[in-house]
Amino acid sequence: MSKSEELDDGLNPLLKKDTLDKDLTKMAEVEAAVRTSSKPVYSVGIGILFLALAGIGSSIFVGSQSNLMFIVVAAMLGGYMALNIGANDVANNVGPAVGSRALTLTGALIIAAIFESAGALIAGGDVVATISKGIIDPALVEDPQVFIWAMMSALLASALWVNLATYVGAPVSTTHSVVGGVMGAGIAAVGFNAVNWETMTKIAASWVISPLLGGVIAALFLAFIKINIIYQKDKIAAARRWLPVLLAIMAAVFTSYLVLKGLKRVWKADLATILMIGVGVFVVAVAFLRPWVRKMSEGMENRNESLRVLFRLPLVCSAALLSFAHGANDVANAVGPLAAILHSVQSGEIASQVTIPIWVMVIGAVGISLGLFLFGPRMIRLVGAEITRMNPMRAFCVALSAAITVIVASALGLPVSSTHIAVGAVFGVGFFREYYTGHSKRRREYVVNRKPPQSPMPVSATGQGVRVRKLVRRAHFTTIVAAWFITVPATALMAGAIFWAISVIL
């Protein structure tokens, strides 16, 4: 048989070229690339549709007024800000849980959307301060028209900045963005004497305090878990001893956090009451969790994977509670200026506090959830997986640190940022792992004892010529820290420029 006949009969398949299969594969790759590249276009289209509906809805609810256009534009700006809050800020609550694989990305998006909306609508409150954090005294702004332009400038500037930060991959504080926008617009409208510089100094101090507190507390919890559970000979016995206590601390802290931050607009409890609630929850949780941990750990192997299973359910609960509290607390960043503009347009007055209509809260709640679905996955992956590797134990430390730090800072009267705390906790976990991997005698002994005799000992385990592995991406660290420090001045400059442009045009 000739060579050509062999090819025709298919007896020598190694010499055949599956042209059709290759073409089909290339077509599939092209289709996948088209879908990937077109996704941002669809997301932007849906976002624009939402803004249009927000403007139309505001005109329907307000009715015909002489300054209706101001309300429509303000509603669209509030919706734009809400989209950006969902895209950037919510990642801090669910990112670590996704990075540790305790939650899938889809599951995290659904949980966050539900609980963010619930927090905004149930506990978002019906009254909000018109000037965020007391930066500007409304009494100094005599003309309501100037006040409306200033609020619009602040809202647009803060939304643009958060949008830019999301684009470059930097989780920033939306509260600081609004603060900077209000400050810049207030300076442009009234002058530097309108700014409460004492309050601004405290906020500037929080740029350093927030991430440091979050990072230190997260590192301390991770150190405790490593020493008392992970690097113990009998991990399951150690988990049965300590895990109920850790989870009870988490239950107490999150209950206190929910009362302090998530429900503060509908029920303002004093510190003593919050402490009593926390202690009570801790005692009940320990009694309940000891048998639960024992039952869950029955038959588990003495390995780290077993520990990760035990931490997964608490992480899901933490993501839900953090999202609820965030929705209740931060929806005001989107709808506060909008409510202030609405009040000034309708009454012709400038008030320090205004009532938020339900349709305004709906714009904020829906915008945050929609922004999370459309633009949030990238930031969730960055916070949860790209800064440093996460597992359920590390993510547990991040979530617990975020709640504890906010409670401690609130008790001390420090204006901290939840974004800075959560991301600082992620950095804290990563940098602690770098140090512990290269310097811990306990870890070194543990690795040596578990290594088979015939296997070569890794250099880091012997302690000779230890090279510390970089477990935190420095590029993300420098980008994020730089974004934190320039958020307030950047939004202030942008808001001032927008206010000046509006004044010249109108």
Protein backbone atom coordinates (compact mmCIF):
# COMPACT_ATOMS: atom_id res chain seq x y z
CA MET A 1 0.00 0.00 0.00
CA SER A 2 1.33 3.40 -0.94
CA LYS A 3 1.78 6.28 1.48
CA SER A 4 -1.09 8.18 -0.12
CA GLU A 5 -3.36 5.15 0.31
CA GLU A 6 -2.40 4.90 3.98
CA LEU A 7 -3.42 8.50 4.45
CA ASP A 8 -6.69 7.95 2.60
CA ASP A 9 -7.54 4.86 4.66
CA GLY A 10 -6.75 6.66 7.93
CA LEU A 11 -4.15 4.00 8.94
CA ASN A 12 -1.54 6.61 9.84
CA PRO A 13 -3.45 9.22 11.87
CA LEU A 14 -0.28 10.90 13.15
CA LEU A 15 0.37 12.21 9.64
CA LYS A 16 -3.16 13.54 9.20
CA LYS A 17 -4.03 17.20 9.81
CA ASP A 18 -7.43 17.71 11.39
CA THR A 19 -8.08 20.93 9.51
CA LEU A 20 -11.77 21.03 10.35
CA ASP A 21 -11.16 20.56 14.09
CA LYS A 22 -8.50 23.28 14.10
CA ASP A 23 -10.77 25.71 12.25
CA LEU A 24 -13.63 25.01 14.65
CA THR A 25 -11.30 25.57 17.62
CA LYS A 26 -10.13 28.89 16.19
CA MET A 27 -13.73 29.96 15.58
CA ALA A 28 -14.62 29.09 19.18
CA GLU A 29 -11.67 31.13 20.42
CA VAL A 30 -12.72 34.10 18.31
CA GLU A 31 -16.31 33.84 19.58
CA ALA A 32 -15.07 33.71 23.19
CA ALA A 33 -12.88 36.78 22.60
CA VAL A 34 -15.83 38.65 21.07
CA ARG A 35 -18.01 37.78 24.06
CA THR A 36 -15.32 38.93 26.49
CA SER A 37 -14.71 42.21 24.68
CA SER A 38 -18.42 42.93 24.27
CA LYS A 39 -19.25 42.36 27.95
CA PRO A 40 -18.08 45.85 29.04
CA VAL A 41 -20.21 47.34 26.26
CA TYR A 42 -23.30 45.53 27.54
CA SER A 43 -22.51 46.58 31.11
CA VAL A 44 -22.11 50.22 30.15
CA GLY A 45 -25.34 50.04 28.13
CA ILE A 46 -27.29 48.62 31.07
CA GLY A 47 -25.76 51.24 33.36
CA ILE A 48 -26.83 54.07 31.04
CA LEU A 49 -30.33 52.58 30.86
CA PHE A 50 -30.50 52.56 34.67
CA LEU A 51 -29.46 56.22 34.83
CA ALA A 52 -32.11 57.12 32.26
CA LEU A 53 -34.76 55.26 34.27
CA ALA A 54 -33.59 57.03 37.45
CA GLY A 55 -34.07 60.39 35.74
CA ILE A 56 -37.47 59.45 34.33
CA GLY A 57 -38.60 58.00 37.67
CA SER A 58 -37.59 61.16 39.53
CA SER A 59 -39.64 63.32 37.14
CA ILE A 60 -42.68 61.08 37.69
CA PHE A 61 -42.43 61.10 41.51
CA VAL A 62 -41.69 64.83 41.79
CA GLY A 63 -44.16 66.02 39.18
CA SER A 64 -44.02 69.28 37.26
CA GLN A 65 -41.87 71.92 38.93
CA SER A 66 -40.03 74.95 37.70
CA ASN A 67 -36.63 73.43 38.53
CA LEU A 68 -37.48 69.86 37.55
CA MET A 69 -34.36 69.52 35.40
CA PHE A 70 -32.14 69.98 38.47
CA ILE A 71 -33.87 67.05 40.19
CA VAL A 72 -33.62 64.83 37.09
CA VAL A 73 -29.91 65.53 36.69
CA ALA A 74 -29.32 65.04 40.42
CA ALA A 75 -31.17 61.68 40.34
CA MET A 76 -28.97 60.51 37.48
CA LEU A 77 -25.84 61.65 39.32
CA GLY A 78 -27.00 59.84 42.47
CA GLY A 79 -27.60 56.70 40.43
CA TYR A 80 -24.14 57.06 38.86
CA MET A 81 -22.56 57.32 42.30
CA ALA A 82 -24.51 54.27 43.51
CA LEU A 83 -23.26 52.24 40.53
CA ASN A 84 -19.69 53.15 41.41
CA ILE A 85 -20.15 52.30 45.09
CA GLY A 86 -21.38 48.85 44.04
CA ALA A 87 -18.49 48.42 41.63
CA ASN A 88 -15.75 49.48 44.04
CA ASP A 89 -16.77 49.44 47.70
CA VAL A 90 -18.75 46.21 48.02
CA ALA A 91 -15.72 44.10 47.00
CA ASN A 92 -14.29 44.63 50.48
CA ASN A 93 -17.16 42.70 52.06
CA VAL A 94 -17.19 39.61 49.84
CA GLY A 95 -13.74 39.62 48.18
CA PRO A 96 -11.91 37.60 50.87
CA ALA A 97 -14.71 35.00 51.00
CA VAL A 98 -14.50 34.58 47.21
CA GLY A 99 -10.70 34.47 47.21
CA SER A 100 -10.77 31.73 49.86
CA ARG A 101 -13.34 29.77 47.80
CA ALA A 102 -15.82 29.79 50.65
CA LEU A 103 -18.15 31.48 48.14
CA THR A 104 -18.32 31.34 44.37
CA LEU A 105 -18.28 34.66 42.54
CA THR A 106 -21.92 34.19 41.53
CA GLY A 107 -22.94 33.30 45.06
CA ALA A 108 -21.09 36.32 46.44
CA LEU A 109 -22.78 38.64 43.93
CA ILE A 110 -26.23 37.33 44.86
CA ILE A 111 -25.64 37.49 48.63
CA ALA A 112 -24.09 40.95 48.46
CA ALA A 113 -26.85 42.32 46.22
CA ILE A 114 -29.62 41.00 48.48
CA PHE A 115 -28.07 42.17 51.74
CA GLU A 116 -26.79 45.51 50.41
CA SER A 117 -30.32 46.31 49.20
CA ALA A 118 -31.86 45.08 52.44
CA GLY A 119 -29.47 47.18 54.50
CA ALA A 120 -30.16 50.28 52.44
CA LEU A 121 -33.95 49.93 52.43
CA ILE A 122 -34.51 48.51 55.94
CA ALA A 123 -31.84 50.24 57.99
CA GLY A 124 -30.70 53.08 55.73
CA GLY A 125 -32.81 55.49 57.74
CA ASP A 126 -35.16 58.23 56.62
CA VAL A 127 -33.00 61.19 57.61
CA VAL A 128 -29.51 62.01 56.39
CA ALA A 129 -27.11 64.90 56.93
CA THR A 130 -26.89 67.12 53.87
CA ILE A 131 -23.17 67.82 54.40
CA SER A 132 -21.19 64.63 54.89
CA LYS A 133 -19.26 64.45 58.18
CA GLY A 134 -19.83 68.16 58.99
CA ILE A 135 -17.20 69.36 56.52
CA ILE A 136 -19.09 72.50 55.45
CA ASP A 137 -21.45 74.64 57.52
CA PRO A 138 -24.70 75.05 55.52
CA ALA A 139 -25.33 78.40 57.21
CA LEU A 140 -22.41 79.87 55.26
CA VAL A 141 -24.09 79.06 51.93
CA GLU A 142 -26.81 81.69 51.68
CA ASP A 143 -28.07 81.08 48.13
CA PRO A 144 -29.95 77.74 47.66
CA GLN A 145 -29.05 77.80 43.96
CA VAL A 146 -25.33 77.91 44.83
CA PHE A 147 -25.88 75.08 47.32
CA ILE A 148 -27.54 72.93 44.62
CA TRP A 149 -24.66 73.50 42.21
CA ALA A 150 -22.14 72.69 44.96
CA MET A 151 -23.89 69.41 45.82
CA MET A 152 -24.09 68.42 42.15
CA SER A 153 -20.40 69.21 41.71
CA ALA A 154 -19.50 67.14 44.80
CA LEU A 155 -21.62 64.22 43.65
CA LEU A 156 -20.25 64.19 40.11
CA ALA A 157 -16.62 64.59 41.23
CA SER A 158 -16.79 61.80 43.81
CA ALA A 159 -18.52 59.46 41.34
CA LEU A 160 -15.93 60.16 38.63
CA TRP A 161 -13.07 59.53 41.06
CA VAL A 162 -14.49 56.21 42.28
CA ASN A 163 -15.08 55.23 38.65
CA LEU A 164 -11.45 56.02 37.79
CA ALA A 165 -10.20 54.13 40.86
CA THR A 166 -12.23 51.08 39.86
CA TYR A 167 -10.78 51.26 36.35
CA VAL A 168 -7.17 51.26 37.61
CA GLY A 169 -7.91 48.57 40.22
CA ALA A 170 -7.75 50.57 43.45
CA PRO A 171 -10.38 50.04 46.18
CA VAL A 172 -10.91 53.52 47.65
CA SER A 173 -13.15 55.02 50.32
CA THR A 174 -16.39 56.33 48.85
CA THR A 175 -16.94 58.29 52.07
CA HIS A 176 -13.60 60.06 51.62
CA SER A 177 -14.52 60.70 47.99
CA VAL A 178 -17.75 62.44 49.01
CA VAL A 179 -15.91 64.35 51.77
CA GLY A 180 -13.34 65.61 49.26
CA GLY A 181 -16.05 66.54 46.78
CA VAL A 182 -18.06 68.50 49.37
CA MET A 183 -14.91 70.24 50.62
CA GLY A 184 -13.79 71.26 47.13
CA ALA A 185 -17.24 72.48 46.07
CA GLY A 186 -17.65 74.33 49.38
CA ILE A 187 -14.29 76.10 48.98
CA ALA A 188 -15.18 77.08 45.40
CA ALA A 189 -18.61 78.34 46.49
CA VAL A 190 -17.83 80.11 49.77
CA GLY A 191 -14.08 80.04 50.45
CA PHE A 192 -11.59 78.27 52.67
CA ASN A 193 -13.24 79.56 55.84
CA ALA A 194 -16.26 77.35 55.10
CA VAL A 195 -14.27 74.17 55.81
CA ASN A 196 -14.17 72.61 59.27
CA TRP A 197 -10.42 71.97 59.28
CA GLU A 198 -10.46 70.15 62.62
CA THR A 199 -12.76 67.52 61.17
CA MET A 200 -10.65 67.33 58.03
CA THR A 201 -7.54 66.71 60.15
CA LYS A 202 -9.24 63.77 61.85
CA ILE A 203 -10.27 62.34 58.49
CA ALA A 204 -6.73 62.71 57.16
CA ALA A 205 -5.42 60.88 60.24
CA SER A 206 -7.78 58.01 59.45
CA TRP A 207 -5.87 57.38 56.20
CA VAL A 208 -3.08 55.99 58.39
CA ILE A 209 -5.06 54.74 61.40
CA SER A 210 -7.62 52.67 59.47
CA PRO A 211 -5.34 50.33 57.49
CA LEU A 212 -2.84 49.98 60.34
CA LEU A 213 -5.52 48.98 62.84
CA GLY A 214 -7.10 46.58 60.37
CA GLY A 215 -3.78 45.02 59.41
CA VAL A 216 -2.51 44.57 62.98
CA ILE A 217 -5.74 43.02 64.28
CA ALA A 218 -5.98 40.64 61.31
CA ALA A 219 -2.33 39.61 61.73
CA LEU A 220 -2.84 38.95 65.47
CA PHE A 221 -5.81 36.67 64.81
CA LEU A 222 -3.93 34.82 62.07
CA ALA A 223 -0.95 34.37 64.39
CA PHE A 224 -3.26 32.90 67.06
CA ILE A 225 -4.82 30.48 64.56
CA LYS A 226 -1.44 29.37 63.20
CA ILE A 227 0.12 28.82 66.65
CA ASN A 228 -2.86 27.22 68.38
CA ILE A 229 -4.55 25.29 65.55
CA ILE A 230 -2.70 24.99 62.23
CA TYR A 231 0.75 24.02 63.57
CA GLN A 232 -0.54 21.68 66.27
CA LYS A 233 0.03 17.92 65.96
CA ASP A 234 -3.69 17.18 66.39
CA LYS A 235 -5.40 19.90 64.37
CA ILE A 236 -8.91 18.56 64.90
CA ALA A 237 -8.56 18.49 68.70
CA ALA A 238 -7.12 22.01 68.62
CA ALA A 239 -9.99 23.17 66.40
CA ARG A 240 -12.55 21.68 68.80
CA ARG A 241 -10.92 23.62 71.64
CA TRP A 242 -10.43 27.01 70.01
CA LEU A 243 -12.76 27.28 67.02
CA PRO A 244 -15.97 27.68 69.11
CA VAL A 245 -14.29 30.57 70.96
CA LEU A 246 -13.16 32.25 67.71
CA LEU A 247 -16.57 31.84 66.09
CA ALA A 248 -18.30 33.11 69.24
CA ILE A 249 -16.07 36.20 69.15
CA MET A 250 -17.11 36.63 65.53
CA ALA A 251 -20.82 36.29 66.40
CA ALA A 252 -20.52 38.80 69.25
CA VAL A 253 -18.49 41.26 67.19
CA PHE A 254 -20.78 41.10 64.17
CA THR A 255 -23.89 41.51 66.31
CA SER A 256 -22.33 44.58 67.92
CA TYR A 257 -21.22 45.83 64.50
CA LEU A 258 -24.73 45.40 63.13
CA VAL A 259 -26.24 47.37 66.03
CA LEU A 260 -23.56 50.08 65.86
CA LYS A 261 -23.37 50.58 62.09
CA GLY A 262 -26.12 48.63 60.38
CA LEU A 263 -29.03 49.74 62.54
CA LYS A 264 -27.81 53.13 63.74
CA ARG A 265 -30.28 55.03 61.56
CA VAL A 266 -33.29 53.20 63.02
CA TRP A 267 -32.02 52.46 66.56
CA LYS A 268 -29.11 54.30 68.17
CA ALA A 269 -27.85 52.22 71.11
CA ASP A 270 -25.28 53.51 73.61
CA LEU A 271 -21.90 51.82 74.07
CA ALA A 272 -22.87 50.05 77.31
CA THR A 273 -25.91 48.47 75.65
CA ILE A 274 -23.83 47.33 72.69
CA LEU A 275 -21.23 45.76 75.02
CA MET A 276 -23.94 43.91 76.98
CA ILE A 277 -25.44 42.58 73.75
CA GLY A 278 -22.01 41.43 72.57
CA VAL A 279 -21.20 39.60 75.82
CA GLY A 280 -24.60 37.90 75.82
CA VAL A 281 -24.21 36.74 72.23
CA PHE A 282 -20.69 35.43 72.99
CA VAL A 283 -21.89 33.27 75.91
CA VAL A 284 -24.82 31.83 73.95
CA ALA A 285 -22.66 31.26 70.86
CA VAL A 286 -19.98 29.31 72.74
CA ALA A 287 -22.63 27.00 74.22
CA PHE A 288 -24.15 26.42 70.79
CA LEU A 289 -20.95 26.17 68.76
CA ARG A 290 -19.03 23.60 70.83
CA PRO A 291 -21.35 20.69 69.90
CA TRP A 292 -21.66 22.04 66.33
CA VAL A 293 -17.88 22.07 65.79
CA ARG A 294 -17.53 18.61 67.35
CA LYS A 295 -20.25 17.21 65.08
CA MET A 296 -18.84 18.90 61.96
CA SER A 297 -15.32 17.66 62.69
CA GLU A 298 -16.23 14.01 63.25
CA GLY A 299 -14.32 11.77 60.83
CA MET A 300 -12.24 14.63 59.44
CA GLU A 301 -8.60 14.00 58.56
CA ASN A 302 -5.85 15.72 60.51
CA ARG A 303 -5.03 18.25 57.78
CA ASN A 304 -5.49 21.91 56.92
CA GLU A 305 -8.20 21.18 54.36
CA SER A 306 -10.45 19.98 57.21
CA LEU A 307 -9.95 23.29 59.01
CA ARG A 308 -10.90 25.21 55.88
CA VAL A 309 -14.22 23.37 55.74
CA LEU A 310 -15.02 24.42 59.31
CA PHE A 311 -14.40 28.11 58.51
CA ARG A 312 -16.52 28.29 55.33
CA LEU A 313 -20.03 28.74 56.78
CA PRO A 314 -18.94 31.53 59.16
CA LEU A 315 -17.37 33.32 56.19
CA VAL A 316 -20.63 33.21 54.25
CA CYS A 317 -22.43 34.71 57.25
CA SER A 318 -19.77 37.41 57.63
CA ALA A 319 -20.08 38.41 53.96
CA ALA A 320 -23.85 38.76 54.36
CA LEU A 321 -23.65 40.81 57.57
CA LEU A 322 -20.88 43.08 56.28
CA SER A 323 -22.93 43.72 53.14
CA PHE A 324 -26.05 44.54 55.17
CA ALA A 325 -24.17 47.00 57.37
CA HIS A 326 -22.46 48.54 54.33
CA GLY A 327 -25.75 49.03 52.51
CA ALA A 328 -27.28 50.70 55.58
CA ASN A 329 -24.26 52.88 56.25
CA ASP A 330 -22.91 53.88 52.83
CA VAL A 331 -26.07 54.33 50.77
CA ALA A 332 -26.06 57.89 52.17
CA ASN A 333 -22.93 58.58 50.10
CA ALA A 334 -25.06 58.19 46.98
CA VAL A 335 -28.43 59.56 48.07
CA GLY A 336 -27.40 62.14 50.71
CA PRO A 337 -26.42 64.88 48.24
CA LEU A 338 -29.39 63.90 46.04
CA ALA A 339 -31.80 64.29 49.00
CA ALA A 340 -30.20 67.64 49.86
CA ILE A 341 -30.66 68.90 46.29
CA LEU A 342 -34.27 67.67 46.22
CA HIS A 343 -35.07 69.48 49.49
CA SER A 344 -33.48 72.74 48.33
CA VAL A 345 -35.25 72.68 44.97
CA GLN A 346 -38.66 71.98 46.52
CA SER A 347 -38.46 74.26 49.57
CA GLY A 348 -35.95 76.90 48.52
CA GLU A 349 -34.14 76.37 51.83
CA ILE A 350 -30.85 74.83 52.96
CA ALA A 351 -31.22 72.36 55.83
CA SER A 352 -28.58 70.51 57.86
CA GLN A 353 -30.72 67.35 57.78
CA VAL A 354 -33.37 66.26 55.30
CA THR A 355 -35.85 63.42 54.89
CA ILE A 356 -35.08 60.84 52.20
CA PRO A 357 -38.09 59.82 50.05
CA ILE A 358 -38.41 56.09 49.41
CA TRP A 359 -37.85 56.50 45.66
CA VAL A 360 -34.47 58.12 46.39
CA MET A 361 -33.50 55.16 48.61
CA VAL A 362 -34.56 52.77 45.85
CA ILE A 363 -32.24 54.51 43.38
CA GLY A 364 -29.39 54.07 45.85
CA ALA A 365 -30.16 50.44 46.68
CA VAL A 366 -30.75 49.31 43.09
CA GLY A 367 -27.74 51.27 41.85
CA ILE A 368 -25.37 49.65 44.36
CA SER A 369 -26.61 46.15 43.52
CA LEU A 370 -26.53 46.78 39.77
CA GLY A 371 -23.04 48.27 39.94
CA LEU A 372 -21.89 45.20 41.85
CA PHE A 373 -23.24 42.82 39.19
CA LEU A 374 -22.06 44.81 36.19
CA PHE A 375 -18.66 46.09 37.29
CA GLY A 376 -17.89 44.50 40.67
CA PRO A 377 -16.35 41.10 39.77
CA ARG A 378 -12.99 42.60 38.81
CA MET A 379 -12.58 44.36 42.17
CA ILE A 380 -13.79 41.27 44.04
CA ARG A 381 -11.07 39.18 42.39
CA LEU A 382 -8.46 41.85 43.12
CA VAL A 383 -9.29 42.16 46.84
CA GLY A 384 -9.89 38.44 47.30
CA ALA A 385 -7.11 36.87 45.27
CA GLU A 386 -4.69 39.26 43.57
CA ILE A 387 -3.25 41.19 46.54
CA THR A 388 -2.33 38.02 48.43
CA ARG A 389 -3.59 34.43 48.42
CA MET A 390 -6.60 33.78 50.62
CA ASN A 391 -7.89 30.68 52.36
CA PRO A 392 -10.86 30.47 54.76
CA MET A 393 -8.71 31.04 57.87
CA ARG A 394 -7.09 34.19 56.44
CA ALA A 395 -10.41 35.50 55.11
CA PHE A 396 -11.94 34.88 58.56
CA CYS A 397 -9.22 37.09 60.10
CA VAL A 398 -9.88 39.84 57.54
CA ALA A 399 -13.65 39.86 58.14
CA LEU A 400 -13.28 39.77 61.92
CA SER A 401 -10.66 42.52 61.87
CA ALA A 402 -12.87 44.77 59.75
CA ALA A 403 -15.76 44.57 62.22
CA ILE A 404 -13.61 44.89 65.37
CA THR A 405 -11.67 47.88 64.04
CA VAL A 406 -14.83 49.79 63.13
CA ILE A 407 -16.25 49.14 66.63
CA VAL A 408 -13.05 50.20 68.41
CA ALA A 409 -12.64 53.30 66.24
CA SER A 410 -16.28 54.32 66.74
CA ALA A 411 -15.90 53.93 70.51
CA LEU A 412 -12.81 56.18 70.40
CA GLY A 413 -14.49 58.70 68.10
CA LEU A 414 -12.07 58.12 65.22
CA PRO A 415 -13.50 58.68 61.70
CA VAL A 416 -12.17 55.55 59.96
CA SER A 417 -12.86 54.12 56.52
CA SER A 418 -14.29 50.60 56.24
CA THR A 419 -12.56 50.25 52.85
CA HIS A 420 -9.16 51.16 54.28
CA ILE A 421 -9.71 48.78 57.21
CA ALA A 422 -10.71 45.77 55.07
CA VAL A 423 -7.95 46.23 52.49
CA GLY A 424 -5.46 47.02 55.26
CA ALA A 425 -6.45 43.73 56.89
CA VAL A 426 -5.73 41.91 53.61
CA PHE A 427 -2.30 43.54 53.48
CA GLY A 428 -1.75 42.73 57.15
CA VAL A 429 -2.47 39.05 56.55
CA GLY A 430 -0.14 38.95 53.55
CA PHE A 431 2.78 40.75 55.20
CA PHE A 432 2.42 38.66 58.36
CA ARG A 433 2.60 35.48 56.27
CA GLU A 434 5.81 36.78 54.66
CA TYR A 435 7.39 37.37 58.06
CA TYR A 436 6.10 34.16 59.65
CA THR A 437 7.21 31.95 56.75
CA GLY A 438 10.80 33.12 57.01
CA HIS A 439 11.20 33.62 60.77
CA SER A 440 8.92 31.27 62.71
CA LYS A 441 10.77 28.52 64.62
CA ARG A 442 7.46 26.77 65.28
CA ARG A 443 6.70 26.58 61.56
CA ARG A 444 10.24 25.42 60.78
CA GLU A 445 10.03 22.60 63.34
CA TYR A 446 6.60 21.62 62.05
CA VAL A 447 7.85 21.39 58.44
CA VAL A 448 10.97 19.44 59.48
CA ASN A 449 8.99 16.91 61.53
CA ARG A 450 6.47 16.30 58.72
CA LYS A 451 9.09 15.91 55.96
CA PRO A 452 9.86 12.28 54.92
CA PRO A 453 13.50 11.30 55.72
CA GLN A 454 14.40 10.61 52.08
CA SER A 455 13.09 13.97 50.86
CA PRO A 456 15.47 16.90 50.49
CA MET A 457 14.85 19.59 53.07
CA PRO A 458 13.74 22.92 51.61
CA VAL A 459 16.14 25.77 52.25
CA SER A 460 13.53 27.84 54.10
CA ALA A 461 12.83 24.98 56.51
CA THR A 462 16.44 24.45 57.54
CA GLY A 463 16.93 28.09 58.42
CA GLN A 464 20.08 28.29 56.27
CA GLY A 465 20.07 31.10 53.74
CA VAL A 466 16.36 31.80 54.11
CA ARG A 467 14.90 33.76 51.25
CA VAL A 468 11.63 35.37 52.29
CA ARG A 469 8.98 34.85 49.63
CA LYS A 470 7.04 37.89 48.53
CA LEU A 471 3.45 37.03 49.38
CA VAL A 472 1.97 40.49 48.73
CA ARG A 473 1.95 42.05 45.27
CA ARG A 474 3.91 45.29 45.65
CA ALA A 475 2.37 46.83 42.53
CA HIS A 476 -1.12 46.61 44.04
CA PHE A 477 0.17 47.89 47.38
CA THR A 478 1.70 51.05 45.93
CA THR A 479 -1.27 51.73 43.61
CA ILE A 480 -3.85 51.37 46.37
CA VAL A 481 -1.96 53.37 49.00
CA ALA A 482 -1.31 56.17 46.50
CA ALA A 483 -5.02 56.23 45.59
CA TRP A 484 -5.95 56.47 49.29
CA PHE A 485 -3.72 59.48 49.89
CA ILE A 486 -4.88 61.47 46.88
CA THR A 487 -8.62 60.65 47.10
CA VAL A 488 -9.65 63.72 49.13
CA PRO A 489 -7.43 66.29 47.33
CA ALA A 490 -8.26 64.80 43.91
CA THR A 491 -12.04 64.88 44.44
CA ALA A 492 -11.77 68.35 46.00
CA LEU A 493 -9.96 69.72 42.94
CA MET A 494 -12.39 68.01 40.58
CA ALA A 495 -15.44 69.30 42.47
CA GLY A 496 -14.03 72.82 42.57
CA ALA A 497 -13.36 72.76 38.83
CA ILE A 498 -16.85 71.41 38.07
CA PHE A 499 -18.47 74.06 40.29
CA TRP A 500 -16.46 76.80 38.55
CA ALA A 501 -17.50 75.44 35.12
CA ILE A 502 -21.18 75.32 36.14
CA SER A 503 -20.98 78.87 37.49
CA VAL A 504 -19.46 80.15 34.26
CA ILE A 505 -21.97 78.34 32.04
CA LEU A 506 -25.12 78.99 34.08
